[in-house]
Protein backbone atom coordinates (compact mmCIF):
# COMPACT_ATOMS: atom_id res chain seq x y z
CA MET A 1 -19.97 -36.53 -5.46
CA SER A 2 -22.43 -33.82 -4.78
CA LYS A 3 -23.69 -31.33 -7.34
CA ALA A 4 -21.84 -28.49 -5.66
CA LYS A 5 -18.48 -30.25 -5.93
CA ASN A 6 -19.10 -31.09 -9.58
CA SER A 7 -20.05 -27.54 -10.42
CA LYS A 8 -16.97 -26.20 -8.62
CA LYS A 9 -14.73 -28.59 -10.55
CA GLU A 10 -16.41 -27.56 -13.81
CA ASP A 11 -16.03 -23.88 -12.96
CA LYS A 12 -12.35 -24.41 -12.19
CA LYS A 13 -11.82 -26.26 -15.49
CA LYS A 14 -13.50 -23.42 -17.40
CA ILE A 15 -11.30 -20.83 -15.69
CA VAL A 16 -8.14 -22.83 -16.34
CA ASN A 17 -9.10 -23.30 -20.01
CA ASN A 18 -9.87 -19.59 -20.34
CA PHE A 19 -6.57 -18.38 -18.85
CA GLN A 20 -4.07 -21.12 -19.74
CA ILE A 21 -1.16 -20.37 -22.08
CA ASN A 22 -0.93 -23.88 -23.55
CA GLU A 23 -2.82 -27.17 -23.19
CA LYS A 24 -0.89 -28.49 -20.19
CA ASP A 25 -0.75 -25.18 -18.32
CA THR A 26 -2.45 -25.31 -14.95
CA GLY A 27 -0.21 -23.20 -12.73
CA SER A 28 0.96 -20.14 -14.64
CA ALA A 29 0.44 -16.68 -13.18
CA GLU A 30 -2.48 -16.13 -15.55
CA VAL A 31 -4.30 -19.25 -14.37
CA GLN A 32 -3.62 -18.41 -10.72
CA ILE A 33 -4.98 -14.89 -11.23
CA GLY A 34 -8.11 -16.26 -12.88
CA LEU A 35 -8.76 -18.74 -10.07
CA LEU A 36 -8.13 -16.12 -7.39
CA THR A 37 -10.50 -13.72 -9.14
CA LYS A 38 -13.29 -16.32 -9.03
CA GLU A 39 -12.64 -17.02 -5.34
CA ILE A 40 -12.59 -13.29 -4.58
CA LYS A 41 -15.94 -12.81 -6.31
CA ASP A 42 -17.44 -15.76 -4.39
CA LEU A 43 -16.15 -14.49 -1.05
CA THR A 44 -17.40 -10.98 -1.78
CA GLU A 45 -20.90 -12.35 -2.37
CA HIS A 46 -20.67 -14.42 0.80
CA LEU A 47 -19.65 -11.38 2.84
CA ARG A 48 -22.57 -9.33 1.52
CA VAL A 49 -24.89 -11.80 3.22
CA HIS A 50 -22.72 -12.64 6.26
CA ILE A 51 -21.47 -9.22 7.27
CA HIS A 52 -19.89 -10.29 10.56
CA ASP A 53 -17.88 -13.23 9.16
CA HIS A 54 -14.46 -11.82 9.97
CA SER A 55 -12.47 -14.97 9.28
CA SER A 56 -13.79 -15.06 5.71
CA ARG A 57 -13.00 -11.35 5.37
CA ARG A 58 -9.41 -12.09 6.39
CA GLY A 59 -9.25 -14.86 3.78
CA LEU A 60 -10.58 -12.46 1.19
CA LEU A 61 -7.91 -9.91 1.99
CA LYS A 62 -5.22 -12.60 1.70
CA LYS A 63 -6.53 -13.64 -1.72
CA VAL A 64 -6.68 -10.04 -2.92
CA SER A 65 -3.09 -9.51 -1.75
CA LEU A 66 -1.90 -12.68 -3.47
CA ARG A 67 -3.65 -11.72 -6.72
CA ARG A 68 -2.07 -8.28 -6.53
CA LYS A 69 1.38 -9.91 -6.18
CA PHE A 70 0.74 -12.13 -9.20
CA LEU A 71 -0.39 -9.13 -11.23
CA LYS A 72 2.66 -7.12 -10.18
CA TYR A 73 4.94 -9.99 -11.18
CA LEU A 74 3.21 -10.40 -14.53
CA GLN A 75 3.35 -6.68 -15.27
CA ALA A 76 7.12 -6.63 -14.66
CA ASP A 77 7.78 -9.91 -16.49
CA SER A 78 5.54 -9.56 -19.55
CA PRO A 79 3.40 -6.43 -20.05
CA GLN A 80 1.56 -8.01 -23.01
CA ARG A 81 0.42 -10.98 -20.95
CA TYR A 82 -0.51 -8.61 -18.12
CA GLU A 83 -2.77 -6.58 -20.44
CA LYS A 84 -4.47 -9.75 -21.72
CA VAL A 85 -5.19 -10.97 -18.19
CA VAL A 86 -6.53 -7.61 -17.06
CA LYS A 87 -8.91 -7.51 -20.04
CA LYS A 88 -10.14 -11.04 -19.26
CA ILE A 89 -10.66 -10.19 -15.58
CA LYS A 90 -12.72 -7.11 -16.36
CA LYS A 91 -15.19 -9.11 -18.48
């Protein structure tokens, strides 16, 4: 495997560990929000360099929309968990 793939896997593991509710949690809303936030940040940096990359811009908008839906769900379901996630995202 290449270095880039290894670093992406390690980044993903760190995010999952940071946002997971319990040891085996890999798909909760919190984890999904954390992973989407990382992807959004990466795409934003990519688009600063490649201004005319419209397909990536569309992907970014889809990810932002999906994250917004997860946050809306979490806010309605458990306001305490929502507040924790928002604080972690803003770091």
